[in-house]
Amino acid sequence: MIDSLCDQVGEQNATVACFYFDFAVQKGQSPANTMGALLKQVVGGLEEIPEEVSQTYQKQRKALGGRGPRLSDIVKMIQTTSSRGRTFICIDALDECVPEHRVKLLGSLNKILQKSPGTRIFLTGRPHIRPEIGRRFSGRVTSLLINTKRDDIIRYLHSRLEEDTIPDAMDSSLEADILRKIPEDISEMYVQTTALGEATSRMH
């Protein structure tokens, strides 16, 4: 999806920024770190860094021996940069974000939308966070439930097993167990796709 979006905006004055939440490193993916990573990508897509962003960054470098920008400062910088052109922010596996962090993250994204009408946000996650997203954005969402297909999972597993660099470490019995067990465990998993604002298909 990210590759397709990047291809579509390649000839336009638009920027794509993305972030993936990983359960294994939840504590390190704070709202400030997440928004900071998005800011870096948004700024990287500009031909020139806005003066307001540069001034805020320099100010924070001089404070307390060079502390990182606060969440509120990062949000303001993204508001400034995203308001200069079309911006697409994509966040994957939002359900893996710590609940208290997710509250602040969604609040920050909402503030960006309020100041940057040209920004579009794409979120994925399991269905249980759908009501929370709807509340945070006052229902301004379009949702799509996607059910994984067993055959697709098996084909993916086959391709990964064929790329195994240590084939002798696995016998036919273990391979059969992998192809049986994993599809059983995830075949009922759903992904929620939420697009905030105008649908990405209308970007032209």
N, C-alpha and C. Protein backbone atom coordinates (compact mmCIF):
# COMPACT_ATOMS: atom_id res chain seq x y z
N MET A 1 0.82 -1.19 0.00
CA MET A 1 0.00 0.00 0.00
C MET A 1 0.87 1.26 0.00
N ILE A 2 1.94 1.25 0.81
CA ILE A 2 2.84 2.40 0.88
C ILE A 2 3.51 2.62 -0.47
N ASP A 3 3.98 1.54 -1.09
CA ASP A 3 4.63 1.65 -2.39
C ASP A 3 3.68 2.22 -3.43
N SER A 4 2.44 1.75 -3.42
CA SER A 4 1.44 2.23 -4.37
C SER A 4 1.16 3.71 -4.16
N LEU A 5 1.04 4.12 -2.91
CA LEU A 5 0.77 5.52 -2.60
C LEU A 5 1.94 6.40 -3.02
N CYS A 6 3.16 5.94 -2.75
CA CYS A 6 4.35 6.71 -3.14
C CYS A 6 4.43 6.86 -4.66
N ASP A 7 4.07 5.81 -5.39
CA ASP A 7 4.08 5.88 -6.85
C ASP A 7 3.08 6.91 -7.35
N GLN A 8 1.92 6.97 -6.69
CA GLN A 8 0.88 7.89 -7.13
C GLN A 8 1.21 9.34 -6.85
N VAL A 9 1.90 9.60 -5.74
CA VAL A 9 2.20 10.99 -5.38
C VAL A 9 3.55 11.44 -5.93
N GLY A 10 4.25 10.55 -6.62
CA GLY A 10 5.59 10.86 -7.10
C GLY A 10 5.68 12.10 -7.95
N GLU A 11 4.67 12.34 -8.77
CA GLU A 11 4.69 13.48 -9.68
C GLU A 11 3.96 14.69 -9.10
N GLN A 12 3.53 14.61 -7.85
CA GLN A 12 2.76 15.68 -7.26
C GLN A 12 3.52 16.31 -6.10
N ASN A 13 3.02 17.45 -5.65
CA ASN A 13 3.60 18.12 -4.48
C ASN A 13 3.01 17.48 -3.23
N ALA A 14 3.42 16.27 -2.95
CA ALA A 14 2.86 15.52 -1.83
C ALA A 14 3.96 14.71 -1.14
N THR A 15 3.72 14.43 0.13
CA THR A 15 4.70 13.69 0.93
C THR A 15 4.00 12.53 1.62
N VAL A 16 4.70 11.39 1.71
CA VAL A 16 4.18 10.21 2.40
C VAL A 16 5.09 9.90 3.59
N ALA A 17 4.50 9.76 4.77
CA ALA A 17 5.25 9.38 5.97
C ALA A 17 4.57 8.18 6.60
N CYS A 18 5.35 7.22 7.09
CA CYS A 18 4.74 6.02 7.65
C CYS A 18 5.46 5.58 8.93
N PHE A 19 4.72 4.83 9.75
CA PHE A 19 5.28 4.31 11.01
C PHE A 19 4.62 2.97 11.32
N TYR A 20 5.43 2.03 11.82
CA TYR A 20 4.93 0.69 12.16
C TYR A 20 5.13 0.43 13.64
N PHE A 21 4.04 0.08 14.33
CA PHE A 21 4.14 -0.24 15.75
C PHE A 21 4.51 -1.72 15.93
N ASP A 22 5.48 -1.95 16.79
CA ASP A 22 5.99 -3.29 17.04
C ASP A 22 5.78 -3.63 18.51
N PHE A 23 5.06 -4.72 18.78
CA PHE A 23 4.77 -5.12 20.16
C PHE A 23 6.05 -5.33 20.97
N ALA A 24 7.10 -5.79 20.30
CA ALA A 24 8.35 -6.11 21.00
C ALA A 24 9.07 -4.88 21.54
N VAL A 25 8.77 -3.71 21.00
CA VAL A 25 9.45 -2.48 21.45
C VAL A 25 8.43 -1.40 21.82
N GLN A 26 7.35 -1.82 22.43
CA GLN A 26 6.27 -0.89 22.77
C GLN A 26 6.75 0.30 23.59
N LYS A 27 7.57 0.04 24.62
CA LYS A 27 7.96 1.10 25.53
C LYS A 27 8.77 2.19 24.84
N GLY A 28 9.52 1.81 23.81
CA GLY A 28 10.34 2.79 23.12
C GLY A 28 9.58 3.58 22.07
N GLN A 29 8.34 3.16 21.77
CA GLN A 29 7.56 3.84 20.74
C GLN A 29 6.56 4.79 21.40
N SER A 30 7.09 5.80 22.05
CA SER A 30 6.27 6.80 22.73
C SER A 30 5.64 7.73 21.70
N PRO A 31 4.63 8.50 22.11
CA PRO A 31 4.02 9.46 21.17
C PRO A 31 5.04 10.43 20.58
N ALA A 32 5.95 10.92 21.42
CA ALA A 32 6.97 11.86 20.94
C ALA A 32 7.89 11.19 19.92
N ASN A 33 8.32 9.96 20.20
CA ASN A 33 9.19 9.24 19.27
C ASN A 33 8.48 8.93 17.95
N THR A 34 7.21 8.54 18.07
CA THR A 34 6.43 8.22 16.87
C THR A 34 6.23 9.45 16.00
N MET A 35 5.77 10.53 16.62
CA MET A 35 5.53 11.76 15.86
C MET A 35 6.85 12.35 15.34
N GLY A 36 7.92 12.16 16.10
CA GLY A 36 9.23 12.63 15.66
C GLY A 36 9.68 11.92 14.40
N ALA A 37 9.43 10.60 14.35
CA ALA A 37 9.79 9.82 13.16
C ALA A 37 8.99 10.28 11.95
N LEU A 38 7.72 10.59 12.17
CA LEU A 38 6.88 11.08 11.08
C LEU A 38 7.34 12.46 10.62
N LEU A 39 7.70 13.31 11.59
CA LEU A 39 8.19 14.65 11.25
C LEU A 39 9.44 14.58 10.38
N LYS A 40 10.35 13.69 10.74
CA LYS A 40 11.59 13.53 9.97
C LYS A 40 11.29 13.19 8.52
N GLN A 41 10.32 12.32 8.30
CA GLN A 41 9.97 11.93 6.94
C GLN A 41 9.28 13.06 6.18
N VAL A 42 8.40 13.77 6.88
CA VAL A 42 7.70 14.89 6.23
C VAL A 42 8.68 15.98 5.83
N VAL A 43 9.59 16.33 6.75
CA VAL A 43 10.58 17.36 6.46
C VAL A 43 11.51 16.89 5.33
N GLY A 44 11.83 15.60 5.33
CA GLY A 44 12.72 15.07 4.31
C GLY A 44 12.14 15.16 2.92
N GLY A 45 10.83 15.30 2.82
CA GLY A 45 10.19 15.39 1.52
C GLY A 45 10.08 16.81 1.00
N LEU A 46 10.56 17.79 1.78
CA LEU A 46 10.48 19.19 1.39
C LEU A 46 11.77 19.64 0.71
N GLU A 47 11.64 20.55 -0.21
CA GLU A 47 12.82 21.10 -0.86
C GLU A 47 13.56 22.05 0.07
N GLU A 48 12.80 22.68 0.97
CA GLU A 48 13.40 23.63 1.92
C GLU A 48 12.70 23.51 3.26
N ILE A 49 13.47 23.46 4.35
CA ILE A 49 12.90 23.34 5.68
C ILE A 49 12.31 24.69 6.09
N PRO A 50 11.05 24.74 6.52
CA PRO A 50 10.44 26.00 6.94
C PRO A 50 11.21 26.64 8.09
N GLU A 51 11.28 27.96 8.11
CA GLU A 51 12.02 28.68 9.12
C GLU A 51 11.50 28.39 10.53
N GLU A 52 10.18 28.26 10.67
CA GLU A 52 9.60 27.98 11.99
C GLU A 52 10.10 26.65 12.55
N VAL A 53 10.24 25.66 11.68
CA VAL A 53 10.72 24.34 12.11
C VAL A 53 12.18 24.42 12.51
N SER A 54 12.97 25.10 11.71
CA SER A 54 14.39 25.24 12.01
C SER A 54 14.61 25.97 13.33
N GLN A 55 13.85 27.02 13.58
CA GLN A 55 13.98 27.79 14.82
C GLN A 55 13.61 26.95 16.04
N THR A 56 12.53 26.19 15.94
CA THR A 56 12.09 25.34 17.05
C THR A 56 13.14 24.29 17.37
N TYR A 57 13.72 23.69 16.32
CA TYR A 57 14.74 22.66 16.51
C TYR A 57 15.98 23.23 17.19
N GLN A 58 16.42 24.39 16.71
CA GLN A 58 17.61 25.01 17.29
C GLN A 58 17.36 25.40 18.74
N LYS A 59 16.17 25.87 19.05
CA LYS A 59 15.83 26.26 20.41
C LYS A 59 15.90 25.06 21.35
N GLN A 60 15.39 23.92 20.91
CA GLN A 60 15.40 22.71 21.74
C GLN A 60 16.81 22.17 21.93
N ARG A 61 17.66 22.32 20.93
CA ARG A 61 19.04 21.86 21.05
C ARG A 61 19.79 22.61 22.15
N LYS A 62 19.44 23.87 22.34
CA LYS A 62 20.13 24.69 23.33
C LYS A 62 19.57 24.49 24.74
N ALA A 63 18.39 23.89 24.84
CA ALA A 63 17.74 23.73 26.15
C ALA A 63 18.22 22.47 26.86
N LEU A 64 18.63 22.62 28.10
CA LEU A 64 19.00 21.49 28.95
C LEU A 64 19.98 20.54 28.26
N GLY A 65 20.97 21.09 27.63
CA GLY A 65 21.99 20.25 27.01
C GLY A 65 21.54 19.53 25.76
N GLY A 66 20.50 20.03 25.13
CA GLY A 66 20.07 19.42 23.87
C GLY A 66 19.00 18.37 24.03
N ARG A 67 17.93 18.69 24.76
CA ARG A 67 16.83 17.73 24.92
C ARG A 67 16.06 17.60 23.61
N GLY A 68 15.35 16.52 23.47
CA GLY A 68 14.55 16.34 22.28
C GLY A 68 13.30 17.21 22.33
N PRO A 69 12.71 17.52 21.19
CA PRO A 69 11.50 18.34 21.15
C PRO A 69 10.36 17.67 21.91
N ARG A 70 9.53 18.47 22.56
CA ARG A 70 8.35 17.95 23.23
C ARG A 70 7.29 17.60 22.21
N LEU A 71 6.33 16.76 22.63
CA LEU A 71 5.29 16.31 21.72
C LEU A 71 4.54 17.49 21.12
N SER A 72 4.21 18.47 21.94
CA SER A 72 3.47 19.64 21.44
C SER A 72 4.26 20.39 20.37
N ASP A 73 5.59 20.46 20.55
CA ASP A 73 6.43 21.14 19.57
C ASP A 73 6.47 20.36 18.26
N ILE A 74 6.55 19.04 18.37
CA ILE A 74 6.59 18.19 17.17
C ILE A 74 5.29 18.33 16.38
N VAL A 75 4.17 18.34 17.10
CA VAL A 75 2.87 18.48 16.44
C VAL A 75 2.80 19.80 15.68
N LYS A 76 3.26 20.87 16.30
CA LYS A 76 3.25 22.18 15.64
C LYS A 76 4.12 22.18 14.39
N MET A 77 5.28 21.50 14.46
CA MET A 77 6.17 21.45 13.31
C MET A 77 5.55 20.65 12.17
N ILE A 78 4.85 19.56 12.50
CA ILE A 78 4.17 18.78 11.45
C ILE A 78 3.03 19.60 10.86
N GLN A 79 2.32 20.34 11.71
CA GLN A 79 1.25 21.21 11.21
C GLN A 79 1.81 22.21 10.20
N THR A 80 2.96 22.78 10.53
CA THR A 80 3.59 23.77 9.65
C THR A 80 4.01 23.16 8.32
N THR A 81 4.68 22.02 8.38
CA THR A 81 5.19 21.39 7.16
C THR A 81 4.08 20.78 6.32
N SER A 82 3.11 20.13 6.95
CA SER A 82 2.05 19.46 6.19
C SER A 82 1.08 20.45 5.56
N SER A 83 1.00 21.66 6.10
CA SER A 83 0.10 22.66 5.54
C SER A 83 0.63 23.23 4.23
N ARG A 84 1.87 22.92 3.87
CA ARG A 84 2.48 23.45 2.66
C ARG A 84 2.22 22.58 1.43
N GLY A 85 1.59 21.44 1.62
CA GLY A 85 1.30 20.56 0.49
C GLY A 85 0.53 19.34 0.98
N ARG A 86 0.14 18.48 0.05
CA ARG A 86 -0.58 17.26 0.43
C ARG A 86 0.34 16.35 1.22
N THR A 87 -0.16 15.84 2.33
CA THR A 87 0.62 14.95 3.18
C THR A 87 -0.21 13.73 3.53
N PHE A 88 0.40 12.55 3.39
CA PHE A 88 -0.26 11.30 3.73
C PHE A 88 0.52 10.66 4.87
N ILE A 89 -0.14 10.46 6.00
CA ILE A 89 0.47 9.83 7.17
C ILE A 89 -0.13 8.44 7.33
N CYS A 90 0.71 7.42 7.28
CA CYS A 90 0.26 6.03 7.37
C CYS A 90 0.84 5.38 8.63
N ILE A 91 -0.02 4.83 9.47
CA ILE A 91 0.43 4.17 10.70
C ILE A 91 -0.13 2.76 10.73
N ASP A 92 0.77 1.79 10.80
CA ASP A 92 0.39 0.39 10.75
C ASP A 92 0.41 -0.23 12.16
N ALA A 93 -0.50 -1.18 12.39
CA ALA A 93 -0.57 -1.93 13.66
C ALA A 93 -0.79 -1.01 14.86
N LEU A 94 -1.73 -0.08 14.73
CA LEU A 94 -2.00 0.87 15.81
C LEU A 94 -2.43 0.16 17.10
N ASP A 95 -3.01 -1.02 16.97
CA ASP A 95 -3.44 -1.76 18.16
C ASP A 95 -2.26 -2.23 19.01
N GLU A 96 -1.04 -2.24 18.44
CA GLU A 96 0.15 -2.63 19.19
C GLU A 96 0.72 -1.46 19.99
N CYS A 97 0.16 -0.28 19.82
CA CYS A 97 0.59 0.89 20.59
C CYS A 97 0.03 0.80 21.99
N VAL A 98 0.83 1.15 23.01
CA VAL A 98 0.37 1.15 24.40
C VAL A 98 -0.87 2.04 24.51
N PRO A 99 -1.95 1.58 25.16
CA PRO A 99 -3.20 2.34 25.21
C PRO A 99 -3.04 3.81 25.60
N GLU A 100 -2.27 4.09 26.66
CA GLU A 100 -2.10 5.49 27.06
C GLU A 100 -1.33 6.30 26.03
N HIS A 101 -0.42 5.63 25.31
CA HIS A 101 0.29 6.31 24.23
C HIS A 101 -0.65 6.56 23.04
N ARG A 102 -1.53 5.59 22.81
CA ARG A 102 -2.45 5.70 21.68
C ARG A 102 -3.38 6.91 21.84
N VAL A 103 -3.80 7.17 23.07
CA VAL A 103 -4.67 8.32 23.34
C VAL A 103 -3.97 9.62 22.91
N LYS A 104 -2.71 9.77 23.32
CA LYS A 104 -1.97 10.99 22.98
C LYS A 104 -1.66 11.06 21.49
N LEU A 105 -1.37 9.91 20.89
CA LEU A 105 -1.06 9.88 19.46
C LEU A 105 -2.26 10.29 18.63
N LEU A 106 -3.42 9.71 18.92
CA LEU A 106 -4.62 10.06 18.17
C LEU A 106 -5.00 11.52 18.38
N GLY A 107 -4.79 12.01 19.60
CA GLY A 107 -5.06 13.43 19.87
C GLY A 107 -4.15 14.32 19.04
N SER A 108 -2.89 13.92 18.92
CA SER A 108 -1.93 14.69 18.13
C SER A 108 -2.29 14.69 16.65
N LEU A 109 -2.68 13.53 16.15
CA LEU A 109 -3.08 13.43 14.74
C LEU A 109 -4.32 14.28 14.46
N ASN A 110 -5.23 14.31 15.41
CA ASN A 110 -6.43 15.11 15.26
C ASN A 110 -6.09 16.59 15.17
N LYS A 111 -5.13 17.04 15.98
CA LYS A 111 -4.70 18.43 15.94
C LYS A 111 -4.08 18.77 14.59
N ILE A 112 -3.34 17.82 14.03
CA ILE A 112 -2.73 18.05 12.72
C ILE A 112 -3.80 18.21 11.65
N LEU A 113 -4.83 17.36 11.70
CA LEU A 113 -5.91 17.45 10.72
C LEU A 113 -6.64 18.79 10.81
N GLN A 114 -6.80 19.30 12.03
CA GLN A 114 -7.51 20.56 12.22
C GLN A 114 -6.77 21.73 11.59
N LYS A 115 -5.45 21.69 11.59
CA LYS A 115 -4.64 22.78 11.05
C LYS A 115 -4.19 22.53 9.61
N SER A 116 -4.26 21.28 9.17
CA SER A 116 -3.75 20.93 7.84
C SER A 116 -4.83 20.18 7.07
N PRO A 117 -5.76 20.90 6.45
CA PRO A 117 -6.87 20.25 5.74
C PRO A 117 -6.43 19.38 4.57
N GLY A 118 -5.20 19.55 4.09
CA GLY A 118 -4.72 18.73 2.98
C GLY A 118 -4.09 17.43 3.42
N THR A 119 -4.09 17.17 4.72
CA THR A 119 -3.47 15.95 5.25
C THR A 119 -4.48 14.81 5.30
N ARG A 120 -4.03 13.63 4.94
CA ARG A 120 -4.87 12.43 5.02
C ARG A 120 -4.14 11.40 5.86
N ILE A 121 -4.89 10.70 6.71
CA ILE A 121 -4.29 9.73 7.63
C ILE A 121 -4.87 8.35 7.38
N PHE A 122 -3.98 7.37 7.28
CA PHE A 122 -4.36 5.98 7.02
C PHE A 122 -3.86 5.14 8.18
N LEU A 123 -4.77 4.44 8.86
CA LEU A 123 -4.42 3.64 10.03
C LEU A 123 -4.85 2.20 9.84
N THR A 124 -4.07 1.26 10.36
CA THR A 124 -4.49 -0.13 10.38
C THR A 124 -4.39 -0.66 11.81
N GLY A 125 -5.24 -1.62 12.13
CA GLY A 125 -5.22 -2.22 13.46
C GLY A 125 -6.36 -3.21 13.59
N ARG A 126 -6.38 -3.94 14.68
CA ARG A 126 -7.45 -4.91 14.92
C ARG A 126 -8.75 -4.18 15.26
N PRO A 127 -9.88 -4.83 15.03
CA PRO A 127 -11.18 -4.17 15.16
C PRO A 127 -11.48 -3.54 16.52
N HIS A 128 -10.86 -4.02 17.60
CA HIS A 128 -11.26 -3.51 18.92
C HIS A 128 -10.90 -2.04 19.13
N ILE A 129 -10.01 -1.47 18.30
CA ILE A 129 -9.67 -0.05 18.45
C ILE A 129 -10.53 0.84 17.56
N ARG A 130 -11.39 0.24 16.78
CA ARG A 130 -12.23 1.02 15.87
C ARG A 130 -13.09 2.05 16.59
N PRO A 131 -13.80 1.69 17.68
CA PRO A 131 -14.60 2.70 18.38
C PRO A 131 -13.76 3.86 18.92
N GLU A 132 -12.57 3.54 19.41
CA GLU A 132 -11.70 4.58 19.94
C GLU A 132 -11.31 5.59 18.86
N ILE A 133 -10.98 5.09 17.67
CA ILE A 133 -10.61 5.96 16.56
C ILE A 133 -11.80 6.84 16.18
N GLY A 134 -12.98 6.24 16.13
CA GLY A 134 -14.18 7.01 15.78
C GLY A 134 -14.44 8.14 16.76
N ARG A 135 -14.24 7.86 18.06
CA ARG A 135 -14.46 8.90 19.07
C ARG A 135 -13.44 10.02 18.94
N ARG A 136 -12.19 9.67 18.75
CA ARG A 136 -11.12 10.67 18.70
C ARG A 136 -11.26 11.61 17.50
N PHE A 137 -11.85 11.09 16.40
CA PHE A 137 -11.98 11.90 15.20
C PHE A 137 -13.43 12.25 14.90
N SER A 138 -14.26 12.17 15.92
CA SER A 138 -15.66 12.57 15.80
C SER A 138 -16.37 11.91 14.63
N GLY A 139 -16.04 10.65 14.40
CA GLY A 139 -16.72 9.89 13.35
C GLY A 139 -16.27 10.21 11.94
N ARG A 140 -15.27 11.07 11.76
CA ARG A 140 -14.81 11.45 10.42
C ARG A 140 -13.88 10.38 9.85
N VAL A 141 -14.37 9.17 9.74
CA VAL A 141 -13.53 8.06 9.29
C VAL A 141 -14.28 7.19 8.29
N THR A 142 -13.51 6.52 7.47
CA THR A 142 -14.02 5.50 6.57
C THR A 142 -13.29 4.21 6.91
N SER A 143 -14.03 3.15 7.24
CA SER A 143 -13.40 1.92 7.71
C SER A 143 -13.67 0.76 6.77
N LEU A 144 -12.71 -0.15 6.72
CA LEU A 144 -12.81 -1.35 5.90
C LEU A 144 -12.25 -2.52 6.68
N LEU A 145 -13.05 -3.57 6.85
CA LEU A 145 -12.60 -4.77 7.54
C LEU A 145 -12.07 -5.76 6.51
N ILE A 146 -10.87 -6.27 6.75
CA ILE A 146 -10.23 -7.19 5.82
C ILE A 146 -9.95 -8.51 6.53
N ASN A 147 -10.44 -9.59 5.97
CA ASN A 147 -10.23 -10.91 6.55
C ASN A 147 -9.10 -11.61 5.79
N THR A 148 -8.10 -12.07 6.53
CA THR A 148 -7.00 -12.77 5.88
C THR A 148 -7.48 -14.10 5.31
N LYS A 149 -6.92 -14.50 4.16
CA LYS A 149 -7.30 -15.74 3.51
C LYS A 149 -6.25 -16.82 3.78
N ARG A 150 -6.71 -17.97 4.14
CA ARG A 150 -5.82 -19.09 4.48
C ARG A 150 -4.85 -19.41 3.34
N ASP A 151 -5.37 -19.44 2.11
CA ASP A 151 -4.51 -19.77 0.96
C ASP A 151 -3.40 -18.74 0.78
N ASP A 152 -3.71 -17.46 1.03
CA ASP A 152 -2.69 -16.42 0.90
C ASP A 152 -1.59 -16.61 1.95
N ILE A 153 -1.99 -16.98 3.18
CA ILE A 153 -1.02 -17.20 4.25
C ILE A 153 -0.11 -18.38 3.92
N ILE A 154 -0.69 -19.44 3.39
CA ILE A 154 0.09 -20.63 3.05
C ILE A 154 1.08 -20.32 1.92
N ARG A 155 0.63 -19.55 0.92
CA ARG A 155 1.54 -19.18 -0.17
C ARG A 155 2.70 -18.34 0.36
N TYR A 156 2.39 -17.43 1.28
CA TYR A 156 3.44 -16.59 1.86
C TYR A 156 4.44 -17.43 2.64
N LEU A 157 3.93 -18.38 3.43
CA LEU A 157 4.81 -19.25 4.21
C LEU A 157 5.70 -20.09 3.30
N HIS A 158 5.13 -20.59 2.22
CA HIS A 158 5.93 -21.37 1.27
C HIS A 158 7.08 -20.53 0.72
N SER A 159 6.78 -19.28 0.35
CA SER A 159 7.82 -18.43 -0.23
C SER A 159 8.92 -18.14 0.78
N ARG A 160 8.55 -17.94 2.06
CA ARG A 160 9.56 -17.67 3.07
C ARG A 160 10.39 -18.91 3.39
N LEU A 161 9.75 -20.07 3.40
CA LEU A 161 10.48 -21.31 3.66
C LEU A 161 11.48 -21.60 2.54
N GLU A 162 11.12 -21.25 1.32
CA GLU A 162 12.02 -21.47 0.20
C GLU A 162 13.24 -20.56 0.27
N GLU A 163 13.11 -19.43 1.00
CA GLU A 163 14.22 -18.48 1.14
C GLU A 163 15.09 -18.79 2.36
N ASP A 164 14.77 -19.85 3.08
CA ASP A 164 15.52 -20.20 4.28
C ASP A 164 16.99 -20.44 3.94
N THR A 165 17.87 -19.74 4.64
CA THR A 165 19.31 -19.85 4.36
C THR A 165 19.94 -21.08 5.00
N ILE A 166 19.19 -21.75 5.91
CA ILE A 166 19.69 -22.97 6.55
C ILE A 166 18.65 -24.08 6.35
N PRO A 167 18.47 -24.55 5.15
CA PRO A 167 17.43 -25.54 4.87
C PRO A 167 17.58 -26.85 5.64
N ASP A 168 18.81 -27.22 6.00
CA ASP A 168 19.02 -28.48 6.72
C ASP A 168 18.50 -28.42 8.15
N ALA A 169 18.17 -27.22 8.65
CA ALA A 169 17.69 -27.09 10.03
C ALA A 169 16.22 -27.48 10.15
N MET A 170 15.56 -27.74 9.04
CA MET A 170 14.13 -28.07 9.08
C MET A 170 13.86 -29.34 8.29
N ASP A 171 13.14 -30.27 8.91
CA ASP A 171 12.75 -31.48 8.19
C ASP A 171 11.31 -31.33 7.70
N SER A 172 10.83 -32.30 6.98
CA SER A 172 9.50 -32.22 6.38
C SER A 172 8.40 -32.18 7.42
N SER A 173 8.64 -32.82 8.58
CA SER A 173 7.63 -32.84 9.64
C SER A 173 7.44 -31.44 10.23
N LEU A 174 8.54 -30.72 10.49
CA LEU A 174 8.46 -29.37 11.05
C LEU A 174 7.82 -28.43 10.04
N GLU A 175 8.19 -28.57 8.78
CA GLU A 175 7.60 -27.71 7.75
C GLU A 175 6.09 -27.92 7.67
N ALA A 176 5.65 -29.17 7.76
CA ALA A 176 4.23 -29.47 7.71
C ALA A 176 3.50 -28.86 8.90
N ASP A 177 4.13 -28.90 10.08
CA ASP A 177 3.53 -28.31 11.28
C ASP A 177 3.38 -26.80 11.13
N ILE A 178 4.39 -26.16 10.55
CA ILE A 178 4.34 -24.70 10.34
C ILE A 178 3.21 -24.34 9.39
N LEU A 179 3.09 -25.09 8.30
CA LEU A 179 2.07 -24.80 7.30
C LEU A 179 0.66 -25.10 7.81
N ARG A 180 0.57 -25.93 8.84
CA ARG A 180 -0.74 -26.25 9.41
C ARG A 180 -1.10 -25.30 10.55
N LYS A 181 -0.16 -25.09 11.46
CA LYS A 181 -0.46 -24.36 12.71
C LYS A 181 -0.63 -22.86 12.50
N ILE A 182 0.28 -22.22 11.78
CA ILE A 182 0.21 -20.76 11.65
C ILE A 182 -1.08 -20.30 10.98
N PRO A 183 -1.49 -20.89 9.86
CA PRO A 183 -2.76 -20.45 9.26
C PRO A 183 -3.94 -20.64 10.20
N GLU A 184 -3.91 -21.67 11.04
CA GLU A 184 -5.00 -21.88 11.99
C GLU A 184 -5.08 -20.75 13.01
N ASP A 185 -3.92 -20.27 13.44
CA ASP A 185 -3.87 -19.25 14.49
C ASP A 185 -4.25 -17.86 13.99
N ILE A 186 -4.01 -17.57 12.72
CA ILE A 186 -4.24 -16.20 12.26
C ILE A 186 -5.34 -16.07 11.22
N SER A 187 -5.99 -17.16 10.88
CA SER A 187 -7.00 -17.08 9.83
C SER A 187 -8.20 -16.24 10.26
N GLU A 188 -8.41 -16.10 11.57
CA GLU A 188 -9.54 -15.31 12.05
C GLU A 188 -9.14 -13.88 12.40
N MET A 189 -7.93 -13.50 12.12
CA MET A 189 -7.47 -12.15 12.43
C MET A 189 -8.01 -11.16 11.41
N TYR A 190 -8.43 -10.01 11.91
CA TYR A 190 -8.93 -8.96 11.03
C TYR A 190 -8.03 -7.74 11.10
N VAL A 191 -8.03 -7.00 10.04
CA VAL A 191 -7.28 -5.75 9.99
C VAL A 191 -8.26 -4.63 9.72
N GLN A 192 -8.18 -3.60 10.53
CA GLN A 192 -9.04 -2.45 10.30
C GLN A 192 -8.26 -1.38 9.57
N THR A 193 -8.79 -0.95 8.48
CA THR A 193 -8.16 0.11 7.71
C THR A 193 -9.01 1.36 7.83
N THR A 194 -8.44 2.42 8.30
CA THR A 194 -9.18 3.64 8.52
C THR A 194 -8.55 4.79 7.77
N ALA A 195 -9.30 5.41 6.90
CA ALA A 195 -8.83 6.58 6.18
C ALA A 195 -9.56 7.80 6.71
N LEU A 196 -8.82 8.79 7.18
CA LEU A 196 -9.43 9.98 7.73
C LEU A 196 -9.43 11.07 6.67
N GLY A 197 -10.59 11.68 6.49
CA GLY A 197 -10.68 12.74 5.51
C GLY A 197 -11.00 12.17 4.15
N GLU A 198 -10.56 12.84 3.12
CA GLU A 198 -10.83 12.45 1.75
C GLU A 198 -10.15 11.14 1.41
N ALA A 199 -10.83 10.27 0.70
CA ALA A 199 -10.26 8.97 0.33
C ALA A 199 -9.02 9.17 -0.53
N THR A 200 -8.03 8.33 -0.31
CA THR A 200 -6.78 8.47 -1.06
C THR A 200 -6.98 8.29 -2.55
N SER A 201 -8.01 7.56 -2.94
CA SER A 201 -8.24 7.35 -4.36
C SER A 201 -8.66 8.64 -5.07
N ARG A 202 -9.02 9.66 -4.30
CA ARG A 202 -9.44 10.93 -4.90
C ARG A 202 -8.30 11.93 -4.98
N MET A 203 -7.11 11.53 -4.65
CA MET A 203 -6.01 12.48 -4.56
C MET A 203 -5.68 13.15 -5.88
N HIS A 204 -6.10 12.56 -6.99
CA HIS A 204 -5.81 13.18 -8.28
C HIS A 204 -6.74 14.37 -8.51
